[in-house]
Structures are given as structure tokens and as C-alpha cells.
Amino acid sequence: MAKVPAAAQAWYLVAQIYEQKANAYKPFGDTTNPTVALKAKRNM
């Protein structure tokens, strides 16, 4: 997505945060972050 190494690292870190939130999502209990997994995939 980014050709500048620092920008690529930033996008990676953002996607990593989204992935962590997605992994913590519980569909039958916590409804805070239902679309975070999609955001993580979109930023990869």
C-alpha cells in the first residue's frame, strides 16, 4: 500500500491493532468491535 518504509510500517501497526481488537471480539457477549477484522484485512 505504501512505498515509503515508514509509512508501510505505520500501516502494518494500524492493521496489527485492528487484528488484536478483532481477536478479542466475542460475537455473543461483546458487541464493541464487530467490523474490526474487515478493517484489518483492508489495511493489509
C-alpha atoms as a PDB file:
ATOM      1  CA  MET A   1       0.000   0.000   0.000  1.00  0.00           C
ATOM      2  CA  ALA A   2       2.794   2.455   0.847  1.00  0.00           C
ATOM      3  CA  LYS A   3       6.138   2.778  -0.891  1.00  0.00           C
ATOM      4  CA  VAL A   4       7.827   4.727   1.903  1.00  0.00           C
ATOM      5  CA  PRO A   5       9.209   2.336   4.553  1.00  0.00           C
ATOM      6  CA  ALA A   6       7.997   4.448   7.491  1.00  0.00           C
ATOM      7  CA  ALA A   7       4.502   4.668   6.016  1.00  0.00           C
ATOM      8  CA  ALA A   8       4.466   0.930   5.365  1.00  0.00           C
ATOM      9  CA  GLN A   9       5.455   0.317   8.989  1.00  0.00           C
ATOM     10  CA  ALA A  10       2.688   2.638  10.180  1.00  0.00           C
ATOM     11  CA  TRP A  11       0.064   0.803   8.090  1.00  0.00           C
ATOM     12  CA  TYR A  12       1.339  -2.506   9.449  1.00  0.00           C
ATOM     13  CA  LEU A  13       0.994  -1.277  13.036  1.00  0.00           C
ATOM     14  CA  VAL A  14      -2.535   0.015  12.399  1.00  0.00           C
ATOM     15  CA  ALA A  15      -3.540  -3.331  10.892  1.00  0.00           C
ATOM     16  CA  GLN A  16      -1.960  -5.121  13.843  1.00  0.00           C
ATOM     17  CA  ILE A  17      -4.058  -3.090  16.293  1.00  0.00           C
ATOM     18  CA  TYR A  18      -7.215  -3.893  14.327  1.00  0.00           C
ATOM     19  CA  GLU A  19      -6.295  -7.576  14.299  1.00  0.00           C
ATOM     20  CA  GLN A  20      -5.801  -7.611  18.068  1.00  0.00           C
ATOM     21  CA  LYS A  21      -9.199  -5.978  18.575  1.00  0.00           C
ATOM     22  CA  ALA A  22     -10.795  -8.441  16.154  1.00  0.00           C
ATOM     23  CA  ASN A  23      -9.296 -11.402  18.001  1.00  0.00           C
ATOM     24  CA  ALA A  24     -10.744 -10.083  21.262  1.00  0.00           C
ATOM     25  CA  TYR A  25     -14.236  -9.724  19.770  1.00  0.00           C
ATOM     26  CA  LYS A  26     -16.853 -12.076  21.218  1.00  0.00           C
ATOM     27  CA  PRO A  27     -19.967 -12.159  18.999  1.00  0.00           C
ATOM     28  CA  PHE A  28     -22.283 -13.380  21.757  1.00  0.00           C
ATOM     29  CA  GLY A  29     -21.070 -11.075  24.506  1.00  0.00           C
ATOM     30  CA  ASP A  30     -19.050  -8.041  23.499  1.00  0.00           C
ATOM     31  CA  THR A  31     -20.519  -6.148  20.561  1.00  0.00           C
ATOM     32  CA  THR A  32     -17.957  -3.326  20.631  1.00  0.00           C
ATOM     33  CA  ASN A  33     -15.880  -4.154  17.548  1.00  0.00           C
ATOM     34  CA  PRO A  34     -17.848  -6.301  15.080  1.00  0.00           C
ATOM     35  CA  THR A  35     -16.187  -4.953  11.905  1.00  0.00           C
ATOM     36  CA  VAL A  36     -12.607  -4.644  13.096  1.00  0.00           C
ATOM     37  CA  ALA A  37     -11.495  -7.818  11.287  1.00  0.00           C
ATOM     38  CA  LEU A  38     -12.616  -6.304   7.995  1.00  0.00           C
ATOM     39  CA  LYS A  39     -10.647  -3.140   8.728  1.00  0.00           C
ATOM     40  CA  ALA A  40      -7.538  -5.172   9.484  1.00  0.00           C
ATOM     41  CA  LYS A  41      -7.799  -7.072   6.185  1.00  0.00           C
ATOM     42  CA  ARG A  42      -8.448  -3.869   4.260  1.00  0.00           C
ATOM     43  CA  ASN A  43      -5.274  -2.281   5.698  1.00  0.00           C
ATOM     44  CA  MET A  44      -3.005  -5.224   4.928  1.00  0.00           C
END
